[in-house]
Amino acid sequence: MQALELVAGAAVAKCVAYWACAHGGLVGGIFFPLLYYGLTLGEVCAKVFNISRAVAVPVMLGAVPGALLPAPLTALSFPVGLFVTGPVQTVPILVAIVTASMLLVGSGFLEKLMVKRA
């Protein structure tokens, strides 16, 4: 259980550091931090739900950027290319990306979150 706490703590620390950098005016993209969040979340899901890391990590590595960026094919190409998955392993990644994208980007929820309140 100590490893899970370490991974979860690293994810929280990365979120805080990213928030501080983004709101502090520093230049940086959001794609690679989202990949890191997906990777870490995949590790946590594999440990918590007792599923294979070979399934959880690529799925979450695609689903997290796919949920927040309006480029689902880009989100699919990275885990598929990185882990060299076949068609059987690509289907869960694609389903996770499409589901996450439809929930946040397709529904307009993400756009409503991005609108600054006056």
PDB file of N, CA and C in Angstrom:
ATOM      1  N   MET A   1       0.820  -1.195   0.000  1.00  0.00           N
ATOM      2  CA  MET A   1       0.000   0.000   0.000  1.00  0.00           C
ATOM      3  C   MET A   1       0.862   1.256   0.000  1.00  0.00           C
ATOM      4  N   GLN A   2       2.093   1.144   0.444  1.00  0.00           N
ATOM      5  CA  GLN A   2       2.974   2.298   0.494  1.00  0.00           C
ATOM      6  C   GLN A   2       3.281   2.808  -0.920  1.00  0.00           C
ATOM      7  N   ALA A   3       3.396   1.905  -1.882  1.00  0.00           N
ATOM      8  CA  ALA A   3       3.670   2.321  -3.257  1.00  0.00           C
ATOM      9  C   ALA A   3       2.496   3.111  -3.829  1.00  0.00           C
ATOM     10  N   LEU A   4       1.281   2.698  -3.497  1.00  0.00           N
ATOM     11  CA  LEU A   4       0.097   3.411  -3.966  1.00  0.00           C
ATOM     12  C   LEU A   4       0.052   4.822  -3.396  1.00  0.00           C
ATOM     13  N   GLU A   5       0.391   4.967  -2.134  1.00  0.00           N
ATOM     14  CA  GLU A   5       0.422   6.294  -1.517  1.00  0.00           C
ATOM     15  C   GLU A   5       1.490   7.168  -2.162  1.00  0.00           C
ATOM     16  N   LEU A   6       2.611   6.577  -2.522  1.00  0.00           N
ATOM     17  CA  LEU A   6       3.681   7.325  -3.172  1.00  0.00           C
ATOM     18  C   LEU A   6       3.248   7.813  -4.552  1.00  0.00           C
ATOM     19  N   VAL A   7       2.613   6.944  -5.322  1.00  0.00           N
ATOM     20  CA  VAL A   7       2.154   7.326  -6.657  1.00  0.00           C
ATOM     21  C   VAL A   7       1.062   8.388  -6.559  1.00  0.00           C
ATOM     22  N   ALA A   8       0.123   8.203  -5.638  1.00  0.00           N
ATOM     23  CA  ALA A   8      -0.949   9.187  -5.469  1.00  0.00           C
ATOM     24  C   ALA A   8      -0.384  10.528  -4.995  1.00  0.00           C
ATOM     25  N   GLY A   9       0.584  10.494  -4.100  1.00  0.00           N
ATOM     26  CA  GLY A   9       1.220  11.729  -3.641  1.00  0.00           C
ATOM     27  C   GLY A   9       1.971  12.436  -4.756  1.00  0.00           C
ATOM     28  N   ALA A  10       2.633  11.667  -5.610  1.00  0.00           N
ATOM     29  CA  ALA A  10       3.336  12.261  -6.748  1.00  0.00           C
ATOM     30  C   ALA A  10       2.355  12.905  -7.716  1.00  0.00           C
ATOM     31  N   ALA A  11       1.204  12.282  -7.908  1.00  0.00           N
ATOM     32  CA  ALA A  11       0.192  12.855  -8.796  1.00  0.00           C
ATOM     33  C   ALA A  11      -0.344  14.167  -8.245  1.00  0.00           C
ATOM     34  N   VAL A  12      -0.602  14.206  -6.949  1.00  0.00           N
ATOM     35  CA  VAL A  12      -1.097  15.441  -6.332  1.00  0.00           C
ATOM     36  C   VAL A  12      -0.033  16.536  -6.405  1.00  0.00           C
ATOM     37  N   ALA A  13       1.214  16.179  -6.133  1.00  0.00           N
ATOM     38  CA  ALA A  13       2.298  17.164  -6.205  1.00  0.00           C
ATOM     39  C   ALA A  13       2.461  17.694  -7.627  1.00  0.00           C
ATOM     40  N   LYS A  14       2.327  16.825  -8.613  1.00  0.00           N
ATOM     41  CA  LYS A  14       2.436  17.256 -10.009  1.00  0.00           C
ATOM     42  C   LYS A  14       1.287  18.195 -10.370  1.00  0.00           C
ATOM     43  N   CYS A  15       0.086  17.899  -9.890  1.00  0.00           N
ATOM     44  CA  CYS A  15      -1.061  18.782 -10.154  1.00  0.00           C
ATOM     45  C   CYS A  15      -0.839  20.163  -9.552  1.00  0.00           C
ATOM     46  N   VAL A  16      -0.347  20.208  -8.335  1.00  0.00           N
ATOM     47  CA  VAL A  16      -0.097  21.493  -7.670  1.00  0.00           C
ATOM     48  C   VAL A  16       1.008  22.259  -8.395  1.00  0.00           C
ATOM     49  N   ALA A  17       2.069  21.559  -8.782  1.00  0.00           N
ATOM     50  CA  ALA A  17       3.166  22.219  -9.490  1.00  0.00           C
ATOM     51  C   ALA A  17       2.711  22.735 -10.853  1.00  0.00           C
ATOM     52  N   TYR A  18       1.903  21.948 -11.549  1.00  0.00           N
ATOM     53  CA  TYR A  18       1.390  22.393 -12.846  1.00  0.00           C
ATOM     54  C   TYR A  18       0.488  23.614 -12.682  1.00  0.00           C
ATOM     55  N   TRP A  19      -0.366  23.588 -11.679  1.00  0.00           N
ATOM     56  CA  TRP A  19      -1.262  24.719 -11.430  1.00  0.00           C
ATOM     57  C   TRP A  19      -0.451  25.977 -11.129  1.00  0.00           C
ATOM     58  N   ALA A  20       0.578  25.845 -10.295  1.00  0.00           N
ATOM     59  CA  ALA A  20       1.405  27.001  -9.941  1.00  0.00           C
ATOM     60  C   ALA A  20       2.122  27.557 -11.170  1.00  0.00           C
ATOM     61  N   CYS A  21       2.622  26.684 -12.021  1.00  0.00           N
ATOM     62  CA  CYS A  21       3.316  27.140 -13.230  1.00  0.00           C
ATOM     63  C   CYS A  21       2.347  27.770 -14.224  1.00  0.00           C
ATOM     64  N   ALA A  22       1.181  27.163 -14.399  1.00  0.00           N
ATOM     65  CA  ALA A  22       0.216  27.679 -15.372  1.00  0.00           C
ATOM     66  C   ALA A  22      -0.338  29.032 -14.948  1.00  0.00           C
ATOM     67  N   HIS A  23      -0.613  29.191 -13.663  1.00  0.00           N
ATOM     68  CA  HIS A  23      -1.182  30.451 -13.193  1.00  0.00           C
ATOM     69  C   HIS A  23      -0.116  31.475 -12.822  1.00  0.00           C
ATOM     70  N   GLY A  24       1.121  31.052 -12.814  1.00  0.00           N
ATOM     71  CA  GLY A  24       2.209  31.980 -12.525  1.00  0.00           C
ATOM     72  C   GLY A  24       2.742  32.667 -13.768  1.00  0.00           C
ATOM     73  N   GLY A  25       2.206  32.320 -14.929  1.00  0.00           N
ATOM     74  CA  GLY A  25       2.613  32.969 -16.164  1.00  0.00           C
ATOM     75  C   GLY A  25       3.746  32.272 -16.891  1.00  0.00           C
ATOM     76  N   LEU A  26       4.147  31.105 -16.456  1.00  0.00           N
ATOM     77  CA  LEU A  26       5.224  30.390 -17.128  1.00  0.00           C
ATOM     78  C   LEU A  26       4.702  29.728 -18.401  1.00  0.00           C
ATOM     79  N   VAL A  27       5.579  29.594 -19.361  1.00  0.00           N
ATOM     80  CA  VAL A  27       5.197  29.017 -20.639  1.00  0.00           C
ATOM     81  C   VAL A  27       5.290  27.497 -20.541  1.00  0.00           C
ATOM     82  N   GLY A  28       4.316  26.836 -21.080  1.00  0.00           N
ATOM     83  CA  GLY A  28       4.333  25.374 -21.090  1.00  0.00           C
ATOM     84  C   GLY A  28       3.048  24.852 -21.685  1.00  0.00           C
ATOM     85  N   GLY A  29       3.139  23.699 -22.277  1.00  0.00           N
ATOM     86  CA  GLY A  29       1.958  23.097 -22.868  1.00  0.00           C
ATOM     87  C   GLY A  29       1.197  22.273 -21.856  1.00  0.00           C
ATOM     88  N   ILE A  30       0.002  21.867 -22.254  1.00  0.00           N
ATOM     89  CA  ILE A  30      -0.798  21.043 -21.350  1.00  0.00           C
ATOM     90  C   ILE A  30      -0.786  19.578 -21.756  1.00  0.00           C
ATOM     91  N   PHE A  31      -0.256  19.258 -22.928  1.00  0.00           N
ATOM     92  CA  PHE A  31      -0.336  17.886 -23.414  1.00  0.00           C
ATOM     93  C   PHE A  31       0.503  16.926 -22.573  1.00  0.00           C
ATOM     94  N   PHE A  32       1.751  17.244 -22.326  1.00  0.00           N
ATOM     95  CA  PHE A  32       2.607  16.316 -21.587  1.00  0.00           C
ATOM     96  C   PHE A  32       2.236  16.192 -20.116  1.00  0.00           C
ATOM     97  N   PRO A  33       1.812  17.261 -19.442  1.00  0.00           N
ATOM     98  CA  PRO A  33       1.291  17.035 -18.086  1.00  0.00           C
ATOM     99  C   PRO A  33       0.056  16.137 -18.076  1.00  0.00           C
ATOM    100  N   LEU A  34      -0.797  16.255 -19.093  1.00  0.00           N
ATOM    101  CA  LEU A  34      -1.961  15.369 -19.161  1.00  0.00           C
ATOM    102  C   LEU A  34      -1.539  13.919 -19.374  1.00  0.00           C
ATOM    103  N   LEU A  35      -0.492  13.710 -20.159  1.00  0.00           N
ATOM    104  CA  LEU A  35       0.019  12.352 -20.329  1.00  0.00           C
ATOM    105  C   LEU A  35       0.546  11.800 -19.003  1.00  0.00           C
ATOM    106  N   TYR A  36       1.224  12.652 -18.252  1.00  0.00           N
ATOM    107  CA  TYR A  36       1.730  12.216 -16.952  1.00  0.00           C
ATOM    108  C   TYR A  36       0.578  11.869 -16.012  1.00  0.00           C
ATOM    109  N   TYR A  37      -0.463  12.707 -16.003  1.00  0.00           N
ATOM    110  CA  TYR A  37      -1.621  12.412 -15.160  1.00  0.00           C
ATOM    111  C   TYR A  37      -2.251  11.089 -15.562  1.00  0.00           C
ATOM    112  N   GLY A  38      -2.371  10.855 -16.858  1.00  0.00           N
ATOM    113  CA  GLY A  38      -2.949   9.605 -17.337  1.00  0.00           C
ATOM    114  C   GLY A  38      -2.112   8.401 -16.951  1.00  0.00           C
ATOM    115  N   LEU A  39      -0.802   8.536 -17.077  1.00  0.00           N
ATOM    116  CA  LEU A  39       0.099   7.450 -16.701  1.00  0.00           C
ATOM    117  C   LEU A  39      -0.012   7.143 -15.213  1.00  0.00           C
ATOM    118  N   THR A  40       0.007   8.178 -14.403  1.00  0.00           N
ATOM    119  CA  THR A  40      -0.091   7.985 -12.956  1.00  0.00           C
ATOM    120  C   THR A  40      -1.453   7.429 -12.567  1.00  0.00           C
ATOM    121  N   LEU A  41      -2.500   7.943 -13.184  1.00  0.00           N
ATOM    122  CA  LEU A  41      -3.841   7.444 -12.891  1.00  0.00           C
ATOM    123  C   LEU A  41      -4.000   5.991 -13.328  1.00  0.00           C
ATOM    124  N   GLY A  42      -3.359   5.612 -14.420  1.00  0.00           N
ATOM    125  CA  GLY A  42      -3.377   4.217 -14.852  1.00  0.00           C
ATOM    126  C   GLY A  42      -2.708   3.302 -13.838  1.00  0.00           C
ATOM    127  N   GLU A  43      -1.585   3.753 -13.293  1.00  0.00           N
ATOM    128  CA  GLU A  43      -0.904   2.970 -12.252  1.00  0.00           C
ATOM    129  C   GLU A  43      -1.782   2.825 -11.012  1.00  0.00           C
ATOM    130  N   VAL A  44      -2.416   3.915 -10.607  1.00  0.00           N
ATOM    131  CA  VAL A  44      -3.283   3.878  -9.424  1.00  0.00           C
ATOM    132  C   VAL A  44      -4.483   2.960  -9.672  1.00  0.00           C
ATOM    133  N   CYS A  45      -5.103   3.080 -10.835  1.00  0.00           N
ATOM    134  CA  CYS A  45      -6.255   2.217 -11.152  1.00  0.00           C
ATOM    135  C   CYS A  45      -5.859   0.747 -11.192  1.00  0.00           C
ATOM    136  N   ALA A  46      -4.677   0.459 -11.714  1.00  0.00           N
ATOM    137  CA  ALA A  46      -4.220  -0.931 -11.761  1.00  0.00           C
ATOM    138  C   ALA A  46      -4.058  -1.502 -10.359  1.00  0.00           C
ATOM    139  N   LYS A  47      -3.547  -0.696  -9.442  1.00  0.00           N
ATOM    140  CA  LYS A  47      -3.359  -1.176  -8.074  1.00  0.00           C
ATOM    141  C   LYS A  47      -4.671  -1.240  -7.304  1.00  0.00           C
ATOM    142  N   VAL A  48      -5.504  -0.223  -7.444  1.00  0.00           N
ATOM    143  CA  VAL A  48      -6.747  -0.170  -6.670  1.00  0.00           C
ATOM    144  C   VAL A  48      -7.743  -1.222  -7.140  1.00  0.00           C
ATOM    145  N   PHE A  49      -7.927  -1.338  -8.457  1.00  0.00           N
ATOM    146  CA  PHE A  49      -8.925  -2.260  -8.990  1.00  0.00           C
ATOM    147  C   PHE A  49      -8.361  -3.626  -9.334  1.00  0.00           C
ATOM    148  N   ASN A  50      -7.074  -3.834  -9.072  1.00  0.00           N
ATOM    149  CA  ASN A  50      -6.405  -5.115  -9.284  1.00  0.00           C
ATOM    150  C   ASN A  50      -6.566  -5.604 -10.725  1.00  0.00           C
ATOM    151  N   ILE A  51      -6.267  -4.720 -11.666  1.00  0.00           N
ATOM    152  CA  ILE A  51      -6.282  -5.093 -13.074  1.00  0.00           C
ATOM    153  C   ILE A  51      -4.865  -4.981 -13.620  1.00  0.00           C
ATOM    154  N   SER A  52      -4.665  -5.510 -14.778  1.00  0.00           N
ATOM    155  CA  SER A  52      -3.335  -5.538 -15.369  1.00  0.00           C
ATOM    156  C   SER A  52      -2.858  -4.126 -15.712  1.00  0.00           C
ATOM    157  N   ARG A  53      -1.598  -3.854 -15.405  1.00  0.00           N
ATOM    158  CA  ARG A  53      -1.015  -2.563 -15.771  1.00  0.00           C
ATOM    159  C   ARG A  53      -0.935  -2.419 -17.280  1.00  0.00           C
ATOM    160  N   ALA A  54      -0.804  -3.543 -17.984  1.00  0.00           N
ATOM    161  CA  ALA A  54      -0.720  -3.503 -19.445  1.00  0.00           C
ATOM    162  C   ALA A  54      -2.020  -3.016 -20.074  1.00  0.00           C
ATOM    163  N   VAL A  55      -3.115  -3.084 -19.336  1.00  0.00           N
ATOM    164  CA  VAL A  55      -4.398  -2.580 -19.825  1.00  0.00           C
ATOM    165  C   VAL A  55      -4.670  -1.188 -19.264  1.00  0.00           C
ATOM    166  N   ALA A  56      -4.494  -1.018 -17.965  1.00  0.00           N
ATOM    167  CA  ALA A  56      -4.882   0.226 -17.295  1.00  0.00           C
ATOM    168  C   ALA A  56      -4.048   1.422 -17.741  1.00  0.00           C
ATOM    169  N   VAL A  57      -2.754   1.250 -17.863  1.00  0.00           N
ATOM    170  CA  VAL A  57      -1.889   2.390 -18.180  1.00  0.00           C
ATOM    171  C   VAL A  57      -2.142   2.934 -19.590  1.00  0.00           C
ATOM    172  N   PRO A  58      -2.158   2.102 -20.642  1.00  0.00           N
ATOM    173  CA  PRO A  58      -2.447   2.679 -21.963  1.00  0.00           C
ATOM    174  C   PRO A  58      -3.844   3.283 -22.074  1.00  0.00           C
ATOM    175  N   VAL A  59      -4.824   2.665 -21.414  1.00  0.00           N
ATOM    176  CA  VAL A  59      -6.187   3.195 -21.483  1.00  0.00           C
ATOM    177  C   VAL A  59      -6.251   4.574 -20.840  1.00  0.00           C
ATOM    178  N   MET A  60      -5.699   4.720 -19.655  1.00  0.00           N
ATOM    179  CA  MET A  60      -5.739   6.018 -18.979  1.00  0.00           C
ATOM    180  C   MET A  60      -4.809   7.025 -19.644  1.00  0.00           C
ATOM    181  N   LEU A  61      -3.714   6.547 -20.226  1.00  0.00           N
ATOM    182  CA  LEU A  61      -2.792   7.434 -20.932  1.00  0.00           C
ATOM    183  C   LEU A  61      -3.466   8.068 -22.142  1.00  0.00           C
ATOM    184  N   GLY A  62      -4.431   7.390 -22.719  1.00  0.00           N
ATOM    185  CA  GLY A  62      -5.183   7.968 -23.827  1.00  0.00           C
ATOM    186  C   GLY A  62      -6.426   8.714 -23.381  1.00  0.00           C
ATOM    187  N   ALA A  63      -7.085   8.224 -22.332  1.00  0.00           N
ATOM    188  CA  ALA A  63      -8.371   8.791 -21.922  1.00  0.00           C
ATOM    189  C   ALA A  63      -8.236  10.170 -21.289  1.00  0.00           C
ATOM    190  N   VAL A  64      -7.204  10.397 -20.507  1.00  0.00           N
ATOM    191  CA  VAL A  64      -7.072  11.698 -19.830  1.00  0.00           C
ATOM    192  C   VAL A  64      -6.830  12.826 -20.835  1.00  0.00           C
ATOM    193  N   PRO A  65      -5.846  12.720 -21.744  1.00  0.00           N
ATOM    194  CA  PRO A  65      -5.727  13.790 -22.747  1.00  0.00           C
ATOM    195  C   PRO A  65      -6.929  13.836 -23.690  1.00  0.00           C
ATOM    196  N   GLY A  66      -7.509  12.672 -23.987  1.00  0.00           N
ATOM    197  CA  GLY A  66      -8.674  12.632 -24.863  1.00  0.00           C
ATOM    198  C   GLY A  66      -9.881  13.328 -24.268  1.00  0.00           C
ATOM    199  N   ALA A  67      -9.948  13.365 -22.942  1.00  0.00           N
ATOM    200  CA  ALA A  67     -11.069  14.028 -22.276  1.00  0.00           C
ATOM    201  C   ALA A  67     -10.926  15.541 -22.303  1.00  0.00           C
ATOM    202  N   LEU A  68      -9.714  16.030 -22.282  1.00  0.00           N
ATOM    203  CA  LEU A  68      -9.507  17.469 -22.134  1.00  0.00           C
ATOM    204  C   LEU A  68      -9.032  18.180 -23.389  1.00  0.00           C
ATOM    205  N   LEU A  69      -8.653  17.449 -24.404  1.00  0.00           N
ATOM    206  CA  LEU A  69      -8.205  18.063 -25.652  1.00  0.00           C
ATOM    207  C   LEU A  69      -9.149  17.671 -26.779  1.00  0.00           C
ATOM    208  N   PRO A  70      -9.468  18.594 -27.655  1.00  0.00           N
ATOM    209  CA  PRO A  70     -10.368  18.254 -28.761  1.00  0.00           C
ATOM    210  C   PRO A  70      -9.638  17.572 -29.919  1.00  0.00           C
ATOM    211  N   ALA A  71      -8.777  16.619 -29.611  1.00  0.00           N
ATOM    212  CA  ALA A  71      -8.021  15.890 -30.629  1.00  0.00           C
ATOM    213  C   ALA A  71      -7.955  14.417 -30.249  1.00  0.00           C
ATOM    214  N   PRO A  72      -9.069  13.687 -30.385  1.00  0.00           N
ATOM    215  CA  PRO A  72      -9.083  12.306 -29.913  1.00  0.00           C
ATOM    216  C   PRO A  72      -8.137  11.374 -30.667  1.00  0.00           C
ATOM    217  N   LEU A  73      -7.905  11.613 -31.950  1.00  0.00           N
ATOM    218  CA  LEU A  73      -6.993  10.733 -32.677  1.00  0.00           C
ATOM    219  C   LEU A  73      -5.548  10.925 -32.222  1.00  0.00           C
ATOM    220  N   THR A  74      -5.199  12.127 -31.840  1.00  0.00           N
ATOM    221  CA  THR A  74      -3.870  12.355 -31.278  1.00  0.00           C
ATOM    222  C   THR A  74      -3.738  11.631 -29.945  1.00  0.00           C
ATOM    223  N   ALA A  75      -4.798  11.689 -29.149  1.00  0.00           N
ATOM    224  CA  ALA A  75      -4.779  10.989 -27.867  1.00  0.00           C
ATOM    225  C   ALA A  75      -4.703   9.478 -28.068  1.00  0.00           C
ATOM    226  N   LEU A  76      -5.233   8.980 -29.168  1.00  0.00           N
ATOM    227  CA  LEU A  76      -5.162   7.545 -29.455  1.00  0.00           C
ATOM    228  C   LEU A  76      -3.787   7.151 -29.974  1.00  0.00           C
ATOM    229  N   SER A  77      -3.188   7.996 -30.786  1.00  0.00           N
ATOM    230  CA  SER A  77      -1.927   7.615 -31.427  1.00  0.00           C
ATOM    231  C   SER A  77      -0.772   7.501 -30.435  1.00  0.00           C
ATOM    232  N   PHE A  78      -0.797   8.287 -29.372  1.00  0.00           N
ATOM    233  CA  PHE A  78       0.336   8.247 -28.450  1.00  0.00           C
ATOM    234  C   PHE A  78       0.433   6.924 -27.686  1.00  0.00           C
ATOM    235  N   PRO A  79      -0.614   6.464 -26.980  1.00  0.00           N
ATOM    236  CA  PRO A  79      -0.458   5.184 -26.277  1.00  0.00           C
ATOM    237  C   PRO A  79      -0.307   3.994 -27.220  1.00  0.00           C
ATOM    238  N   VAL A  80      -0.973   4.046 -28.379  1.00  0.00           N
ATOM    239  CA  VAL A  80      -0.851   2.935 -29.330  1.00  0.00           C
ATOM    240  C   VAL A  80       0.571   2.863 -29.872  1.00  0.00           C
ATOM    241  N   GLY A  81       1.152   4.003 -30.195  1.00  0.00           N
ATOM    242  CA  GLY A  81       2.524   4.018 -30.693  1.00  0.00           C
ATOM    243  C   GLY A  81       3.555   3.736 -29.623  1.00  0.00           C
ATOM    244  N   LEU A  82       3.294   4.212 -28.415  1.00  0.00           N
ATOM    245  CA  LEU A  82       4.253   4.026 -27.326  1.00  0.00           C
ATOM    246  C   LEU A  82       4.314   2.574 -26.867  1.00  0.00           C
ATOM    247  N   PHE A  83       3.162   1.951 -26.736  1.00  0.00           N
ATOM    248  CA  PHE A  83       3.112   0.581 -26.233  1.00  0.00           C
ATOM    249  C   PHE A  83       3.019  -0.456 -27.342  1.00  0.00           C
ATOM    250  N   VAL A  84       2.998  -0.036 -28.600  1.00  0.00           N
ATOM    251  CA  VAL A  84       2.917  -0.904 -29.772  1.00  0.00           C
ATOM    252  C   VAL A  84       1.821  -1.949 -29.565  1.00  0.00           C
ATOM    253  N   THR A  85       0.605  -1.457 -29.438  1.00  0.00           N
ATOM    254  CA  THR A  85      -0.525  -2.341 -29.198  1.00  0.00           C
ATOM    255  C   THR A  85      -1.097  -2.849 -30.509  1.00  0.00           C
ATOM    256  N   GLY A  86      -1.725  -3.992 -30.427  1.00  0.00           N
ATOM    257  CA  GLY A  86      -2.409  -4.554 -31.580  1.00  0.00           C
ATOM    258  C   GLY A  86      -3.867  -4.125 -31.583  1.00  0.00           C
ATOM    259  N   PRO A  87      -4.645  -4.666 -32.506  1.00  0.00           N
ATOM    260  CA  PRO A  87      -6.055  -4.268 -32.594  1.00  0.00           C
ATOM    261  C   PRO A  87      -6.857  -4.592 -31.334  1.00  0.00           C
ATOM    262  N   VAL A  88      -6.570  -5.720 -30.712  1.00  0.00           N
ATOM    263  CA  VAL A  88      -7.330  -6.115 -29.524  1.00  0.00           C
ATOM    264  C   VAL A  88      -7.050  -5.166 -28.356  1.00  0.00           C
ATOM    265  N   GLN A  89      -5.817  -4.720 -28.218  1.00  0.00           N
ATOM    266  CA  GLN A  89      -5.476  -3.801 -27.135  1.00  0.00           C
ATOM    267  C   GLN A  89      -5.867  -2.364 -27.460  1.00  0.00           C
ATOM    268  N   THR A  90      -6.046  -2.047 -28.736  1.00  0.00           N
ATOM    269  CA  THR A  90      -6.388  -0.686 -29.128  1.00  0.00           C
ATOM    270  C   THR A  90      -7.860  -0.366 -28.879  1.00  0.00           C
ATOM    271  N   VAL A  91      -8.718  -1.360 -28.941  1.00  0.00           N
ATOM    272  CA  VAL A  91     -10.157  -1.129 -28.779  1.00  0.00           C
ATOM    273  C   VAL A  91     -10.498  -0.532 -27.412  1.00  0.00           C
ATOM    274  N   PRO A  92      -9.989  -1.053 -26.278  1.00  0.00           N
ATOM    275  CA  PRO A  92     -10.316  -0.404 -25.001  1.00  0.00           C
ATOM    276  C   PRO A  92      -9.801   1.032 -24.911  1.00  0.00           C
ATOM    277  N   ILE A  93      -8.652   1.298 -25.518  1.00  0.00           N
ATOM    278  CA  ILE A  93      -8.115   2.659 -25.508  1.00  0.00           C
ATOM    279  C   ILE A  93      -9.041   3.579 -26.296  1.00  0.00           C
ATOM    280  N   LEU A  94      -9.468   3.132 -27.467  1.00  0.00           N
ATOM    281  CA  LEU A  94     -10.363   3.936 -28.300  1.00  0.00           C
ATOM    282  C   LEU A  94     -11.701   4.177 -27.610  1.00  0.00           C
ATOM    283  N   VAL A  95     -12.251   3.153 -26.981  1.00  0.00           N
ATOM    284  CA  VAL A  95     -13.531   3.305 -26.279  1.00  0.00           C
ATOM    285  C   VAL A  95     -13.395   4.301 -25.131  1.00  0.00           C
ATOM    286  N   ALA A  96     -12.303   4.223 -24.387  1.00  0.00           N
ATOM    287  CA  ALA A  96     -12.088   5.155 -23.273  1.00  0.00           C
ATOM    288  C   ALA A  96     -11.933   6.586 -23.776  1.00  0.00           C
ATOM    289  N   ILE A  97     -11.211   6.770 -24.871  1.00  0.00           N
ATOM    290  CA  ILE A  97     -11.001   8.114 -25.412  1.00  0.00           C
ATOM    291  C   ILE A  97     -12.307   8.698 -25.937  1.00  0.00           C
ATOM    292  N   VAL A  98     -13.063   7.907 -26.676  1.00  0.00           N
ATOM    293  CA  VAL A  98     -14.335   8.402 -27.221  1.00  0.00           C
ATOM    294  C   VAL A  98     -15.306   8.731 -26.091  1.00  0.00           C
ATOM    295  N   THR A  99     -15.371   7.874 -25.086  1.00  0.00           N
ATOM    296  CA  THR A  99     -16.262   8.130 -23.953  1.00  0.00           C
ATOM    297  C   THR A  99     -15.856   9.396 -23.208  1.00  0.00           C
ATOM    298  N   ALA A 100     -14.582   9.528 -22.906  1.00  0.00           N
ATOM    299  CA  ALA A 100     -14.103  10.710 -22.184  1.00  0.00           C
ATOM    300  C   ALA A 100     -14.299  11.975 -23.004  1.00  0.00           C
ATOM    301  N   SER A 101     -14.039  11.891 -24.294  1.00  0.00           N
ATOM    302  CA  SER A 101     -14.197  13.058 -25.158  1.00  0.00           C
ATOM    303  C   SER A 101     -15.658  13.476 -25.267  1.00  0.00           C
ATOM    304  N   MET A 102     -16.541  12.510 -25.405  1.00  0.00           N
ATOM    305  CA  MET A 102     -17.965  12.834 -25.504  1.00  0.00           C
ATOM    306  C   MET A 102     -18.502  13.419 -24.202  1.00  0.00           C
ATOM    307  N   LEU A 103     -18.006  12.936 -23.080  1.00  0.00           N
ATOM    308  CA  LEU A 103     -18.488  13.443 -21.797  1.00  0.00           C
ATOM    309  C   LEU A 103     -18.054  14.882 -21.540  1.00  0.00           C
ATOM    310  N   LEU A 104     -16.829  15.215 -21.884  1.00  0.00           N
ATOM    311  CA  LEU A 104     -16.337  16.558 -21.567  1.00  0.00           C
ATOM    312  C   LEU A 104     -16.374  17.515 -22.748  1.00  0.00           C
ATOM    313  N   VAL A 105     -15.798  17.128 -23.863  1.00  0.00           N
ATOM    314  CA  VAL A 105     -15.720  18.038 -25.009  1.00  0.00           C
ATOM    315  C   VAL A 105     -17.033  18.049 -25.780  1.00  0.00           C
ATOM    316  N   GLY A 106     -17.566  16.881 -26.072  1.00  0.00           N
ATOM    317  CA  GLY A 106     -18.778  16.786 -26.881  1.00  0.00           C
ATOM    318  C   GLY A 106     -20.019  17.336 -26.202  1.00  0.00           C
ATOM    319  N   SER A 107     -20.073  17.257 -24.889  1.00  0.00           N
ATOM    320  CA  SER A 107     -21.246  17.750 -24.171  1.00  0.00           C
ATOM    321  C   SER A 107     -21.205  19.256 -23.939  1.00  0.00           C
ATOM    322  N   GLY A 108     -20.056  19.877 -24.142  1.00  0.00           N
ATOM    323  CA  GLY A 108     -19.916  21.305 -23.899  1.00  0.00           C
ATOM    324  C   GLY A 108     -19.552  21.626 -22.459  1.00  0.00           C
ATOM    325  N   PHE A 109     -19.407  20.602 -21.627  1.00  0.00           N
ATOM    326  CA  PHE A 109     -19.080  20.814 -20.220  1.00  0.00           C
ATOM    327  C   PHE A 109     -17.712  21.468 -20.064  1.00  0.00           C
ATOM    328  N   LEU A 110     -16.744  21.022 -20.849  1.00  0.00           N
ATOM    329  CA  LEU A 110     -15.404  21.590 -20.763  1.00  0.00           C
ATOM    330  C   LEU A 110     -15.411  23.058 -21.172  1.00  0.00           C
ATOM    331  N   GLU A 111     -16.172  23.385 -22.195  1.00  0.00           N
ATOM    332  CA  GLU A 111     -16.253  24.780 -22.642  1.00  0.00           C
ATOM    333  C   GLU A 111     -16.869  25.662 -21.562  1.00  0.00           C
ATOM    334  N   LYS A 112     -17.861  25.147 -20.868  1.00  0.00           N
ATOM    335  CA  LYS A 112     -18.473  25.914 -19.785  1.00  0.00           C
ATOM    336  C   LYS A 112     -17.500  26.101 -18.629  1.00  0.00           C
ATOM    337  N   LEU A 113     -16.643  25.113 -18.405  1.00  0.00           N
ATOM    338  CA  LEU A 113     -15.632  25.255 -17.361  1.00  0.00           C
ATOM    339  C   LEU A 113     -14.582  26.295 -17.726  1.00  0.00           C
ATOM    340  N   MET A 114     -14.301  26.415 -19.024  1.00  0.00           N
ATOM    341  CA  MET A 114     -13.248  27.317 -19.478  1.00  0.00           C
ATOM    342  C   MET A 114     -13.695  28.777 -19.542  1.00  0.00           C
ATOM    343  N   VAL A 115     -14.993  29.016 -19.569  1.00  0.00           N
ATOM    344  CA  VAL A 115     -15.499  30.386 -19.654  1.00  0.00           C
ATOM    345  C   VAL A 115     -15.198  31.107 -18.350  1.00  0.00           C
ATOM    346  N   LYS A 116     -14.590  32.251 -18.482  1.00  0.00           N
ATOM    347  CA  LYS A 116     -14.272  33.035 -17.287  1.00  0.00           C
ATOM    348  C   LYS A 116     -15.533  33.727 -16.795  1.00  0.00           C
ATOM    349  N   ARG A 117     -15.703  33.670 -15.524  1.00  0.00           N
ATOM    350  CA  ARG A 117     -16.867  34.325 -14.930  1.00  0.00           C
ATOM    351  C   ARG A 117     -16.548  35.785 -14.693  1.00  0.00           C
ATOM    352  N   ALA A 118     -17.474  36.624 -15.067  1.00  0.00           N
ATOM    353  CA  ALA A 118     -17.254  38.069 -14.921  1.00  0.00           C
ATOM    354  C   ALA A 118     -17.614  38.559 -13.545  1.00  0.00           C
TER     355      ALA A 118
END
